[in-house]
């Protein structure tokens, strides 16, 4: 085994360990392993995607600290590497090459972590245009990009109108994907389920209840029995309550109660939704009473 391969495997092990720690919110362990991954990448894998990913991971693990100046510096270094990689790739493959889409996504995610929303949107928009040109609208990566853009507009830019517009567009493309899908058990089923859940919740939070209803309905059609839909069922119920479809909302809540998730948070969420439904029903009853 060559020295470069050995170093890459060492880096990969450290990076994977750090990422697992970050996912479980063990930021201290994540930071320790990302720092070692950065050291190896700087020595043996300079100006590479590996170094950029290590810097980004370390930056994310430090975001929870009160003083995140180091985190900002790390993201900036990663940005410089990713922009250089993007320039080289563009020179080699052309400005509209499909190979540019993923590096643009990575750069957009970095900008989002830095709360540079406009630059993040610009990168996602370019990636979106490239993907639609090469892969068409009915493509899971196109829908994922739209979801990420909608999320930025909703959560960071407080632009409800743009978020709703993008969510509705994502729904249209997702419906087209389902119409073209001959095999419901293909590898993209999990991706579809997660995207539909995210988009449905996003539409609910933006008070676009009709779009949310369609997304959650599509979610229940896509989902396999092996996957839990209880959390989605409660959000779906909340949407149905807003639309005054109380019987359907009750069915969703009954399903969620029979298939509960672990933890008190879910139980509280479920009970709050039942209380909200009861209050809405009582309010409608009172409004129907003759004066």
Protein backbone atom coordinates (compact mmCIF):
# COMPACT_ATOMS: atom_id res chain seq x y z
CA UNK A 1 0.00 0.00 0.00
CA UNK A 2 1.37 3.41 -0.98
CA UNK A 3 1.99 6.11 1.61
CA UNK A 4 -0.67 8.36 0.04
CA UNK A 5 -3.30 5.60 0.23
CA UNK A 6 -2.36 4.91 3.85
CA UNK A 7 -2.72 8.58 4.76
CA UNK A 8 -6.06 8.83 2.99
CA UNK A 9 -7.40 5.80 4.88
CA UNK A 10 -6.17 7.32 8.16
CA UNK A 11 -7.88 10.60 7.27
CA UNK A 12 -11.07 8.80 6.27
CA UNK A 13 -11.24 6.92 9.58
CA UNK A 14 -10.75 10.12 11.59
CA UNK A 15 -13.27 12.02 9.48
CA UNK A 16 -15.95 9.31 9.78
CA UNK A 17 -15.43 9.07 13.56
CA UNK A 18 -15.69 12.85 13.90
CA UNK A 19 -18.83 13.00 11.79
CA UNK A 20 -20.55 10.31 13.87
CA UNK A 21 -19.65 12.25 17.02
CA UNK A 22 -21.04 15.47 15.52
CA UNK A 23 -24.32 13.77 14.61
CA UNK A 24 -24.70 12.61 18.23
CA UNK A 25 -23.87 16.15 19.50
CA UNK A 26 -20.54 15.09 21.03
CA UNK A 27 -18.91 18.31 19.83
CA UNK A 28 -15.75 17.89 21.90
CA UNK A 29 -14.94 14.48 20.43
CA UNK A 30 -15.89 15.69 16.97
CA UNK A 31 -13.57 18.69 17.22
CA UNK A 32 -10.64 16.53 18.40
CA UNK A 33 -10.95 14.12 15.47
CA UNK A 34 -11.62 16.82 12.90
CA UNK A 35 -8.46 18.66 14.03
CA UNK A 36 -6.40 15.52 13.48
CA UNK A 37 -8.10 15.03 10.11
CA UNK A 38 -7.18 18.62 9.18
CA UNK A 39 -3.55 18.01 10.16
CA UNK A 40 -3.29 14.90 7.97
CA UNK A 41 -5.06 16.60 5.05
CA UNK A 42 -2.78 19.65 5.27
CA UNK A 43 0.31 17.43 5.21
CA UNK A 44 -0.73 14.82 2.65
CA UNK A 45 -3.90 16.02 0.88
CA UNK A 46 -3.42 19.80 0.42
CA UNK A 47 -5.93 21.87 -1.59
CA UNK A 48 -8.24 18.85 -1.73
CA UNK A 49 -11.89 18.14 -1.05
CA UNK A 50 -10.68 16.12 1.96
CA UNK A 51 -9.09 19.22 3.50
CA UNK A 52 -12.17 21.33 2.76
CA UNK A 53 -14.47 18.74 4.36
CA UNK A 54 -12.22 18.53 7.43
CA UNK A 55 -12.20 22.32 7.85
CA UNK A 56 -15.98 22.44 7.44
CA UNK A 57 -16.51 19.67 9.96
CA UNK A 58 -14.26 21.36 12.49
CA UNK A 59 -16.08 24.64 11.86
CA UNK A 60 -19.46 22.99 12.51
CA UNK A 61 -18.23 21.34 15.71
CA UNK A 62 -17.15 24.76 17.05
CA UNK A 63 -20.35 26.63 16.14
CA UNK A 64 -21.86 25.93 19.58
CA UNK A 65 -19.02 27.76 21.33
CA UNK A 66 -19.71 31.33 22.53
CA UNK A 67 -16.86 32.74 20.47
CA UNK A 68 -17.11 31.28 16.99
CA UNK A 69 -14.37 33.37 15.36
CA UNK A 70 -12.30 30.25 14.74
CA UNK A 71 -15.31 28.58 13.15
CA UNK A 72 -15.76 31.51 10.75
CA UNK A 73 -12.08 31.37 9.79
CA UNK A 74 -12.29 27.64 9.14
CA UNK A 75 -15.31 28.02 6.88
CA UNK A 76 -13.54 30.82 5.02
CA UNK A 77 -10.51 28.59 4.38
CA UNK A 78 -12.81 25.81 3.19
CA UNK A 79 -14.61 28.28 0.90
CA UNK A 80 -11.32 29.28 -0.74
CA UNK A 81 -10.47 25.64 -1.44
CA UNK A 82 -13.94 24.85 -2.80
CA UNK A 83 -13.95 27.94 -5.02
CA UNK A 84 -10.54 26.95 -6.41
CA UNK A 85 -11.76 23.39 -7.08
CA UNK A 86 -14.88 24.81 -8.75
CA UNK A 87 -12.81 27.12 -10.98
CA UNK A 88 -10.52 24.27 -12.07
CA UNK A 89 -13.48 21.99 -12.76
CA UNK A 90 -15.28 24.69 -14.72
CA UNK A 91 -12.19 25.30 -16.85
CA UNK A 92 -11.91 21.58 -17.56
CA UNK A 93 -15.58 20.72 -18.17
CA UNK A 94 -17.36 23.97 -19.09
CA UNK A 95 -19.58 26.45 -17.25
CA UNK A 96 -22.74 24.33 -17.62
CA UNK A 97 -21.28 20.91 -16.81
CA UNK A 98 -23.33 18.64 -14.55
CA UNK A 99 -20.12 17.94 -12.62
CA UNK A 100 -20.35 21.46 -11.19
CA UNK A 101 -23.67 20.86 -9.41
CA UNK A 102 -22.34 18.97 -6.40
CA UNK A 103 -19.41 21.36 -5.70
CA UNK A 104 -21.88 24.24 -5.92
CA UNK A 105 -24.10 22.48 -3.37
CA UNK A 106 -21.14 22.11 -1.01
CA UNK A 107 -20.21 25.77 -1.33
CA UNK A 108 -23.85 26.76 -0.79
CA UNK A 109 -23.97 24.72 2.44
CA UNK A 110 -20.86 26.49 3.68
CA UNK A 111 -22.36 29.89 3.00
CA UNK A 112 -25.51 28.83 4.82
CA UNK A 113 -23.50 27.82 7.90
CA UNK A 114 -21.91 31.27 7.79
CA UNK A 115 -25.37 32.90 7.48
CA UNK A 116 -24.40 34.26 4.08
CA UNK A 117 -27.86 33.54 2.72
CA UNK A 118 -27.73 35.49 -0.54
CA UNK A 119 -24.51 33.78 -1.64
CA UNK A 120 -25.92 30.41 -0.60
CA UNK A 121 -29.06 30.98 -2.68
CA UNK A 122 -26.95 32.05 -5.68
CA UNK A 123 -24.94 28.79 -5.54
CA UNK A 124 -28.06 26.66 -5.13
CA UNK A 125 -29.76 28.50 -8.00
CA UNK A 126 -26.86 27.82 -10.34
CA UNK A 127 -26.77 24.15 -9.29
CA UNK A 128 -30.54 23.98 -9.84
CA UNK A 129 -30.32 25.45 -13.35
CA UNK A 130 -27.54 23.02 -14.27
CA UNK A 131 -29.45 20.00 -12.96
CA UNK A 132 -32.67 20.94 -14.75
CA UNK A 133 -30.74 21.40 -18.01
CA UNK A 134 -29.13 17.97 -17.78
CA UNK A 135 -31.62 15.90 -15.73
CA UNK A 136 -34.98 17.57 -16.18
CA UNK A 137 -37.39 18.83 -13.54
CA UNK A 138 -38.64 15.42 -12.35
CA UNK A 139 -35.43 14.59 -10.51
CA UNK A 140 -34.88 13.96 -6.81
CA UNK A 141 -31.75 16.18 -6.68
CA UNK A 142 -33.70 19.06 -8.23
CA UNK A 143 -36.37 18.70 -5.53
CA UNK A 144 -33.73 18.51 -2.80
CA UNK A 145 -32.14 21.75 -4.03
CA UNK A 146 -35.53 23.47 -4.04
CA UNK A 147 -36.16 22.30 -0.46
CA UNK A 148 -32.83 23.72 0.69
CA UNK A 149 -33.51 27.05 -1.00
CA UNK A 150 -37.02 27.24 0.46
CA UNK A 151 -35.61 26.51 3.91
CA UNK A 152 -33.12 29.39 3.63
CA UNK A 153 -35.82 31.81 2.53
CA UNK A 154 -38.09 30.72 5.39
CA UNK A 155 -35.61 30.37 8.25
CA UNK A 156 -32.86 32.88 7.49
CA UNK A 157 -34.31 35.49 5.15
CA UNK A 158 -37.88 35.54 6.52
CA UNK A 159 -39.16 35.62 2.94
CA UNK A 160 -42.37 33.59 3.25
CA UNK A 161 -43.54 34.33 -0.30
CA UNK A 162 -40.37 32.90 -1.90
CA UNK A 163 -40.36 29.90 0.45
CA UNK A 164 -43.97 29.03 -0.42
CA UNK A 165 -43.32 29.45 -4.14
CA UNK A 166 -40.34 27.09 -4.03
CA UNK A 167 -42.22 24.53 -1.91
CA UNK A 168 -45.09 24.50 -4.40
CA UNK A 169 -42.63 24.06 -7.25
CA UNK A 170 -40.97 21.17 -5.39
CA UNK A 171 -44.38 19.54 -4.91
CA UNK A 172 -45.08 19.79 -8.64
CA UNK A 173 -41.77 18.08 -9.48
CA UNK A 174 -42.22 15.43 -6.80
CA UNK A 175 -45.65 14.53 -8.18
CA UNK A 176 -44.05 14.18 -11.62
CA UNK A 177 -41.38 11.88 -10.15
CA UNK A 178 -44.07 9.66 -8.66
CA UNK A 179 -45.98 9.51 -11.93
CA UNK A 180 -42.83 8.31 -13.69
CA UNK A 181 -41.80 5.87 -10.96
CA UNK A 182 -42.42 2.26 -11.92
CA UNK A 183 -40.89 0.76 -8.80
CA UNK A 184 -41.99 2.07 -5.40
CA UNK A 185 -39.22 0.10 -3.69
CA UNK A 186 -36.29 1.73 -5.48
CA UNK A 187 -33.32 3.26 -3.72
CA UNK A 188 -34.77 6.76 -3.83
CA UNK A 189 -37.78 5.88 -1.64
CA UNK A 190 -36.02 7.02 1.55
CA UNK A 191 -34.91 10.25 -0.13
CA UNK A 192 -38.47 10.93 -1.30
CA UNK A 193 -39.88 10.28 2.15
CA UNK A 194 -37.43 12.60 3.90
CA UNK A 195 -37.88 15.36 1.33
CA UNK A 196 -41.66 15.19 1.46
CA UNK A 197 -41.57 15.38 5.25
CA UNK A 198 -39.26 18.42 5.20
CA UNK A 199 -41.28 20.17 2.52
CA UNK A 200 -44.57 19.42 4.25
CA UNK A 201 -43.38 20.82 7.57
CA UNK A 202 -41.92 23.85 5.81
CA UNK A 203 -45.24 24.52 4.04
CA UNK A 204 -47.09 24.10 7.35
CA UNK A 205 -44.79 26.59 9.07
CA UNK A 206 -45.39 29.08 6.24
CA UNK A 207 -49.17 28.58 6.72
CA UNK A 208 -49.52 27.19 3.18
CA UNK A 209 -51.86 24.44 4.37
CA UNK A 210 -53.14 23.27 0.99
CA UNK A 211 -49.60 22.60 -0.25
CA UNK A 212 -48.71 20.96 3.07
CA UNK A 213 -51.75 18.68 2.80
CA UNK A 214 -50.73 17.51 -0.68
CA UNK A 215 -47.13 16.92 0.42
CA UNK A 216 -48.13 14.88 3.47
CA UNK A 217 -50.65 12.91 1.40
CA UNK A 218 -47.93 12.11 -1.11
CA UNK A 219 -45.66 11.15 1.79
CA UNK A 220 -48.13 8.52 3.02
CA UNK A 221 -48.31 7.08 -0.52
CA UNK A 222 -44.54 6.91 -0.93
CA UNK A 223 -43.69 5.58 2.51
CA UNK A 224 -43.06 1.86 3.11
CA UNK A 225 -44.47 0.06 6.12
CA UNK A 226 -40.97 -0.32 7.56
CA UNK A 227 -40.72 3.44 8.04
CA UNK A 228 -42.40 5.27 10.87
CA UNK A 229 -44.73 8.08 9.81
CA UNK A 230 -45.98 8.96 13.30
CA UNK A 231 -44.27 12.36 13.50
CA UNK A 232 -45.56 13.22 10.03
CA UNK A 233 -49.02 12.01 11.09
CA UNK A 234 -49.16 14.65 13.85
CA UNK A 235 -48.04 17.45 11.52
CA UNK A 236 -50.52 16.16 8.94
CA UNK A 237 -53.24 16.29 11.61
CA UNK A 238 -52.34 19.91 12.42
CA UNK A 239 -52.72 20.81 8.76
CA UNK A 240 -56.09 19.04 8.58
CA UNK A 241 -57.27 20.92 11.68
CA UNK A 242 -56.37 24.22 10.00
CA UNK A 243 -58.41 23.08 6.99
CA UNK A 244 -61.29 22.03 9.31
CA UNK A 245 -61.07 18.39 8.24
CA UNK A 246 -61.50 17.17 11.79
CA UNK A 247 -62.42 13.54 11.16
CA UNK A 248 -59.34 13.00 8.99
CA UNK A 249 -57.21 14.80 11.62
CA UNK A 250 -58.57 12.49 14.33
CA UNK A 251 -57.63 9.44 12.26
CA UNK A 252 -54.08 10.72 11.90
CA UNK A 253 -53.77 11.36 15.63
CA UNK A 254 -55.19 7.94 16.45
CA UNK A 255 -52.58 6.37 14.17
CA UNK A 256 -49.78 8.32 15.80
CA UNK A 257 -51.00 7.31 19.25
CA UNK A 258 -50.99 3.64 18.30
CA UNK A 259 -47.46 3.93 16.90
CA UNK A 260 -45.77 6.35 19.32
CA UNK A 261 -42.20 7.54 19.12
CA UNK A 262 -40.04 7.26 22.19
CA UNK A 263 -39.61 10.29 24.40
CA UNK A 264 -41.80 12.80 26.17
CA UNK A 265 -41.43 15.37 23.38
CA UNK A 266 -43.54 13.37 20.98
CA UNK A 267 -46.24 12.71 23.58
CA UNK A 268 -46.42 16.42 24.37
CA UNK A 269 -46.60 17.31 20.68
CA UNK A 270 -49.39 14.78 20.18
CA UNK A 271 -51.39 16.03 23.16
CA UNK A 272 -51.00 19.68 22.15
CA UNK A 273 -52.37 18.81 18.72
CA UNK A 274 -55.37 17.02 20.23
CA UNK A 275 -56.05 20.01 22.47
CA UNK A 276 -55.78 22.34 19.48
CA UNK A 277 -58.25 20.20 17.52
CA UNK A 278 -60.75 20.06 20.40
CA UNK A 279 -60.54 23.83 20.79
CA UNK A 280 -61.08 24.36 17.06
CA UNK A 281 -64.08 22.00 16.99
CA UNK A 282 -65.64 23.69 20.01
CA UNK A 283 -65.05 27.08 18.45
CA UNK A 284 -66.80 26.02 15.26
CA UNK A 285 -69.71 24.59 17.24
CA UNK A 286 -70.11 27.86 19.12
CA UNK A 287 -69.99 29.84 15.88
CA UNK A 288 -72.77 27.66 14.45
CA UNK A 289 -75.08 28.40 17.38
CA UNK A 290 -77.92 30.86 16.59
CA UNK A 291 -77.48 34.29 18.10
